[in-house]
N, C-alpha and C. Protein backbone atom coordinates (compact mmCIF):
# COMPACT_ATOMS: atom_id res chain seq x y z
N MET A 1 -85.62 36.59 -57.25
CA MET A 1 -84.78 36.96 -56.61
C MET A 1 -83.57 37.51 -57.15
N ASN A 2 -83.04 38.88 -56.98
CA ASN A 2 -82.16 39.29 -57.87
C ASN A 2 -80.62 38.80 -57.48
N ASP A 3 -79.81 38.42 -58.06
CA ASP A 3 -78.59 37.76 -57.97
C ASP A 3 -77.84 38.87 -56.66
N LYS A 4 -77.88 40.34 -57.34
CA LYS A 4 -77.08 41.25 -56.69
C LYS A 4 -77.83 41.32 -55.14
N SER A 5 -78.73 41.08 -55.05
CA SER A 5 -78.96 41.57 -53.70
C SER A 5 -78.63 40.29 -52.49
N LEU A 6 -77.92 39.28 -53.35
CA LEU A 6 -77.32 38.02 -52.47
C LEU A 6 -75.96 38.54 -51.88
N ARG A 7 -75.70 38.25 -51.22
CA ARG A 7 -74.28 38.74 -50.43
C ARG A 7 -73.24 37.58 -50.17
N ASP A 8 -72.13 37.42 -50.64
CA ASP A 8 -71.41 36.08 -50.57
C ASP A 8 -70.67 36.32 -48.99
N LEU A 9 -71.39 35.57 -48.14
CA LEU A 9 -70.78 35.52 -46.77
C LEU A 9 -69.30 35.03 -46.28
N ARG A 10 -68.65 34.51 -47.84
CA ARG A 10 -67.32 34.19 -47.47
C ARG A 10 -66.36 35.17 -47.55
N ARG A 11 -66.96 36.49 -48.13
CA ARG A 11 -66.08 37.62 -48.10
C ARG A 11 -66.60 38.58 -47.51
N PRO A 12 -65.70 39.36 -46.91
CA PRO A 12 -66.37 40.57 -46.14
C PRO A 12 -67.30 41.71 -46.91
N SER A 13 -68.35 42.10 -46.37
CA SER A 13 -68.99 43.13 -47.00
C SER A 13 -68.37 44.50 -47.50
N ARG A 14 -67.27 44.76 -46.68
CA ARG A 14 -66.71 45.90 -46.78
C ARG A 14 -65.02 45.69 -46.76
N PRO A 15 -64.20 46.48 -47.52
CA PRO A 15 -62.83 46.14 -47.09
C PRO A 15 -62.30 46.32 -45.60
N VAL A 16 -61.45 45.41 -45.36
CA VAL A 16 -61.16 45.32 -43.91
C VAL A 16 -59.70 46.24 -43.81
N SER A 17 -59.75 47.23 -43.28
CA SER A 17 -58.44 47.95 -43.36
C SER A 17 -57.43 47.75 -42.02
N GLY A 18 -57.63 46.79 -41.59
CA GLY A 18 -56.82 46.51 -40.35
C GLY A 18 -57.04 47.68 -38.83
N LYS A 19 -57.71 48.61 -39.13
CA LYS A 19 -57.85 49.67 -38.11
C LYS A 19 -59.44 49.06 -37.28
N PRO A 20 -59.41 49.34 -35.95
CA PRO A 20 -60.84 48.98 -35.55
C PRO A 20 -61.38 50.26 -35.71
N PRO A 21 -63.24 50.05 -35.57
CA PRO A 21 -64.03 51.03 -36.02
C PRO A 21 -63.64 52.28 -34.95
N LYS A 22 -64.19 53.29 -35.35
CA LYS A 22 -63.85 54.42 -34.63
C LYS A 22 -65.05 54.64 -33.67
N ILE A 23 -65.28 55.27 -32.92
CA ILE A 23 -66.26 55.70 -31.74
C ILE A 23 -66.53 57.12 -32.04
N THR A 24 -67.77 57.32 -32.28
CA THR A 24 -68.08 58.97 -32.21
C THR A 24 -68.51 59.13 -30.86
N PHE A 25 -67.63 60.03 -30.22
CA PHE A 25 -68.33 60.77 -29.15
C PHE A 25 -68.90 61.84 -28.96
N PRO A 26 -69.45 62.14 -27.95
CA PRO A 26 -70.02 61.46 -26.95
C PRO A 26 -71.33 60.15 -27.22
N CYS A 27 -71.16 59.29 -26.61
CA CYS A 27 -71.99 57.97 -26.86
C CYS A 27 -72.55 57.68 -25.94
N ARG A 28 -73.33 56.45 -25.74
CA ARG A 28 -73.63 55.63 -24.60
C ARG A 28 -72.55 54.34 -25.20
N TYR A 29 -71.91 53.87 -23.66
CA TYR A 29 -71.22 52.83 -24.12
C TYR A 29 -71.05 52.08 -22.89
N PRO A 30 -71.61 50.51 -23.53
CA PRO A 30 -71.93 49.59 -22.30
C PRO A 30 -70.63 48.84 -22.00
N LEU A 31 -70.71 48.61 -20.72
CA LEU A 31 -69.50 47.98 -20.06
C LEU A 31 -69.97 46.81 -19.10
N LYS A 32 -68.74 45.89 -19.40
CA LYS A 32 -68.92 44.62 -18.25
C LYS A 32 -67.66 44.51 -17.63
N VAL A 33 -67.92 44.77 -16.34
CA VAL A 33 -66.69 44.68 -15.29
C VAL A 33 -66.88 43.40 -14.52
N VAL A 34 -65.72 42.51 -14.73
CA VAL A 34 -65.71 41.22 -14.12
C VAL A 34 -64.68 41.39 -12.72
N GLY A 35 -65.10 40.59 -11.72
CA GLY A 35 -64.18 40.40 -10.60
C GLY A 35 -64.66 39.41 -9.87
N ASP A 36 -63.96 39.37 -8.77
CA ASP A 36 -64.03 38.18 -7.53
C ASP A 36 -65.49 38.62 -6.90
N ALA A 37 -66.46 37.58 -6.58
CA ALA A 37 -67.62 37.77 -6.05
C ALA A 37 -67.67 38.28 -4.78
N ALA A 38 -68.13 39.55 -4.16
CA ALA A 38 -68.27 39.87 -2.70
C ALA A 38 -68.92 40.91 -2.78
N GLU A 39 -69.68 41.18 -1.61
CA GLU A 39 -70.80 42.05 -1.35
C GLU A 39 -70.87 43.44 -1.76
N ASP A 40 -69.74 44.11 -1.91
CA ASP A 40 -69.07 45.26 -1.99
C ASP A 40 -68.66 45.49 -3.51
N PHE A 41 -68.68 44.46 -4.14
CA PHE A 41 -67.78 44.87 -5.66
C PHE A 41 -68.79 45.66 -6.37
N ALA A 42 -70.08 45.52 -6.32
CA ALA A 42 -70.81 46.47 -7.28
C ALA A 42 -70.82 47.78 -6.78
N ALA A 43 -70.78 48.21 -5.33
CA ALA A 43 -70.58 49.36 -4.92
C ALA A 43 -69.31 50.04 -5.32
N VAL A 44 -68.05 49.23 -5.01
CA VAL A 44 -66.59 49.77 -5.37
C VAL A 44 -66.81 50.21 -7.07
N VAL A 45 -67.17 49.37 -7.78
CA VAL A 45 -67.28 49.53 -9.43
C VAL A 45 -68.47 51.04 -9.64
N CYS A 46 -69.49 51.12 -9.03
CA CYS A 46 -70.45 52.04 -8.98
C CYS A 46 -69.81 53.57 -8.50
N GLN A 47 -68.82 53.20 -7.42
CA GLN A 47 -68.28 54.65 -7.11
C GLN A 47 -66.91 55.20 -8.15
N ILE A 48 -66.47 54.02 -8.73
CA ILE A 48 -65.57 54.50 -9.96
C ILE A 48 -66.03 54.98 -10.85
N VAL A 49 -66.83 54.72 -11.41
CA VAL A 49 -67.81 54.84 -12.61
C VAL A 49 -68.20 56.29 -12.30
N SER A 50 -68.71 56.53 -11.17
CA SER A 50 -69.49 57.87 -10.84
C SER A 50 -68.32 58.90 -11.02
N ARG A 51 -67.04 58.52 -10.75
CA ARG A 51 -66.32 59.63 -10.92
C ARG A 51 -66.00 60.01 -12.37
N HIS A 52 -66.17 58.91 -13.22
CA HIS A 52 -65.57 59.36 -14.45
C HIS A 52 -67.02 59.84 -15.31
N ASP A 53 -68.24 59.35 -14.89
CA ASP A 53 -69.31 59.64 -15.41
C ASP A 53 -70.25 60.22 -14.50
N PRO A 54 -70.49 61.45 -14.24
CA PRO A 54 -71.27 62.05 -13.01
C PRO A 54 -72.69 61.70 -13.54
N GLU A 55 -73.13 61.72 -14.64
CA GLU A 55 -74.52 61.46 -15.20
C GLU A 55 -74.92 59.99 -14.71
N PHE A 56 -74.06 58.90 -14.73
CA PHE A 56 -74.15 57.62 -14.45
C PHE A 56 -75.20 57.05 -13.61
N ASP A 57 -76.09 56.21 -14.00
CA ASP A 57 -77.27 55.89 -13.62
C ASP A 57 -77.16 54.58 -12.88
N ALA A 58 -76.80 54.66 -11.80
CA ALA A 58 -76.54 53.23 -10.97
C ALA A 58 -77.84 52.21 -10.67
N ALA A 59 -78.99 52.75 -10.80
CA ALA A 59 -80.30 52.01 -10.84
C ALA A 59 -80.02 51.16 -12.06
N ALA A 60 -79.65 51.39 -13.09
CA ALA A 60 -79.96 50.38 -14.39
C ALA A 60 -78.67 49.72 -14.61
N MET A 61 -77.93 49.36 -13.57
CA MET A 61 -76.62 48.45 -13.34
C MET A 61 -77.30 47.33 -13.06
N GLN A 62 -76.64 46.05 -13.50
CA GLN A 62 -76.89 44.77 -13.30
C GLN A 62 -75.79 44.23 -13.01
N VAL A 63 -75.98 43.16 -11.75
CA VAL A 63 -75.25 42.43 -11.15
C VAL A 63 -75.37 40.98 -11.48
N VAL A 64 -74.59 40.03 -12.04
CA VAL A 64 -74.82 38.81 -12.47
C VAL A 64 -73.64 37.75 -11.68
N ASP A 65 -74.15 37.06 -10.89
CA ASP A 65 -73.36 35.90 -10.42
C ASP A 65 -72.86 34.95 -11.34
N SER A 66 -71.51 34.37 -11.69
CA SER A 66 -71.04 33.24 -12.21
C SER A 66 -71.76 32.17 -11.69
N ARG A 67 -71.83 30.95 -12.79
CA ARG A 67 -72.10 29.85 -12.47
C ARG A 67 -71.84 29.08 -11.05
N ASN A 68 -70.67 29.35 -10.77
CA ASN A 68 -70.16 28.72 -9.23
C ASN A 68 -70.05 29.65 -8.27
N GLY A 69 -70.42 30.87 -8.54
CA GLY A 69 -70.62 31.92 -7.72
C GLY A 69 -69.05 32.75 -7.05
N ARG A 70 -68.22 32.11 -7.82
CA ARG A 70 -66.85 32.82 -7.64
C ARG A 70 -66.82 34.15 -8.08
N PHE A 71 -67.42 34.39 -9.00
CA PHE A 71 -66.92 35.71 -9.86
C PHE A 71 -68.62 36.38 -10.19
N GLN A 72 -68.45 37.86 -10.46
CA GLN A 72 -69.38 38.68 -10.59
C GLN A 72 -69.36 39.67 -11.84
N SER A 73 -70.18 39.92 -12.13
CA SER A 73 -70.18 40.81 -13.58
C SER A 73 -70.87 41.90 -13.25
N VAL A 74 -70.55 43.17 -13.54
CA VAL A 74 -71.46 44.24 -13.23
C VAL A 74 -71.50 44.86 -14.60
N ARG A 75 -72.64 44.68 -15.38
CA ARG A 75 -73.03 45.58 -16.39
C ARG A 75 -73.74 46.87 -16.36
N LEU A 76 -73.14 47.78 -17.20
CA LEU A 76 -73.76 49.20 -17.08
C LEU A 76 -73.29 49.81 -18.44
N THR A 77 -74.12 51.07 -18.22
CA THR A 77 -73.92 51.83 -19.48
C THR A 77 -73.57 53.13 -18.83
N ILE A 78 -72.46 53.91 -19.50
CA ILE A 78 -71.58 55.10 -19.10
C ILE A 78 -71.89 56.18 -20.33
N ARG A 79 -71.94 57.19 -20.21
CA ARG A 79 -72.13 58.44 -21.56
C ARG A 79 -70.41 58.59 -21.77
N ALA A 80 -69.61 58.05 -22.72
CA ALA A 80 -68.38 58.47 -22.87
C ALA A 80 -68.24 59.56 -23.76
N THR A 81 -67.19 60.51 -23.21
CA THR A 81 -66.87 61.64 -23.78
C THR A 81 -65.64 61.42 -24.40
N GLY A 82 -64.79 60.53 -24.37
CA GLY A 82 -63.56 60.46 -25.06
C GLY A 82 -62.82 59.45 -24.71
N GLU A 83 -61.70 59.21 -25.33
CA GLU A 83 -60.69 58.11 -25.30
C GLU A 83 -60.15 58.38 -24.03
N ALA A 84 -59.85 59.56 -23.41
CA ALA A 84 -59.14 59.76 -22.14
C ALA A 84 -60.02 59.42 -21.21
N GLN A 85 -61.22 59.42 -21.25
CA GLN A 85 -62.40 59.22 -20.36
C GLN A 85 -62.11 57.52 -20.02
N LEU A 86 -62.42 56.99 -21.10
CA LEU A 86 -62.52 55.41 -21.24
C LEU A 86 -61.08 55.03 -20.51
N GLN A 87 -59.94 55.60 -20.85
CA GLN A 87 -58.71 54.84 -20.61
C GLN A 87 -58.53 55.30 -19.01
N ALA A 88 -58.77 55.97 -18.53
CA ALA A 88 -58.54 56.38 -17.09
C ALA A 88 -59.55 55.61 -16.02
N LEU A 89 -60.54 55.48 -17.02
CA LEU A 89 -61.71 54.63 -16.16
C LEU A 89 -61.33 53.18 -16.11
N PHE A 90 -60.80 52.33 -17.18
CA PHE A 90 -60.12 51.42 -17.30
C PHE A 90 -59.02 50.87 -16.56
N VAL A 91 -58.17 52.26 -16.22
CA VAL A 91 -57.01 52.18 -15.31
C VAL A 91 -57.48 52.02 -13.52
N GLU A 92 -58.57 52.91 -13.60
CA GLU A 92 -58.71 52.97 -11.90
C GLU A 92 -59.55 51.64 -11.62
N LEU A 93 -60.25 51.20 -12.48
CA LEU A 93 -61.15 50.12 -12.13
C LEU A 93 -59.93 48.77 -12.16
N LYS A 94 -59.01 48.53 -12.97
CA LYS A 94 -58.25 47.58 -12.87
C LYS A 94 -57.16 48.00 -11.52
N ALA A 95 -56.93 48.94 -11.31
CA ALA A 95 -56.15 49.46 -9.81
C ALA A 95 -56.61 49.32 -8.49
N THR A 96 -57.86 48.69 -8.52
CA THR A 96 -58.35 48.32 -7.55
C THR A 96 -57.90 46.73 -7.10
N GLY A 97 -57.44 46.04 -8.03
CA GLY A 97 -57.04 44.83 -7.66
C GLY A 97 -57.84 43.63 -7.37
N ARG A 98 -59.03 44.08 -7.74
CA ARG A 98 -60.41 43.30 -7.54
C ARG A 98 -61.20 43.12 -8.79
N VAL A 99 -60.50 43.87 -9.92
CA VAL A 99 -60.85 43.89 -11.75
C VAL A 99 -60.30 42.87 -12.01
N HIS A 100 -60.89 42.18 -12.60
CA HIS A 100 -60.11 40.89 -13.56
C HIS A 100 -60.22 41.22 -14.91
N MET A 101 -61.20 41.85 -15.38
CA MET A 101 -61.14 41.96 -16.86
C MET A 101 -62.53 43.08 -17.15
N VAL A 102 -62.47 43.94 -17.80
CA VAL A 102 -63.28 45.28 -18.42
C VAL A 102 -63.43 44.85 -19.99
N VAL A 103 -64.78 44.46 -20.19
CA VAL A 103 -65.34 44.41 -21.57
C VAL A 103 -66.29 45.25 -21.92
């Protein structure tokens, strides 16, 4: 094996610039929305997401309950068109008062 093909895992493979990686829009953008468990939580998330992405496929959404059943996470993928769309989506989700985290 050639020594040049090995990489030193203690050092980053590319320089760290301190800036987050840029996203190229439009793109598929996975989200996980976490909130208090309720029968209508996924429906509320779906309504909000549909307003920001008219092509959103609700059938592909996954709802996962936490171990103790107190929280739910809704996993979905949207077609992100830009930073403004994502920011508006995050703001509207948080404004419900039911969403604790969007990842």
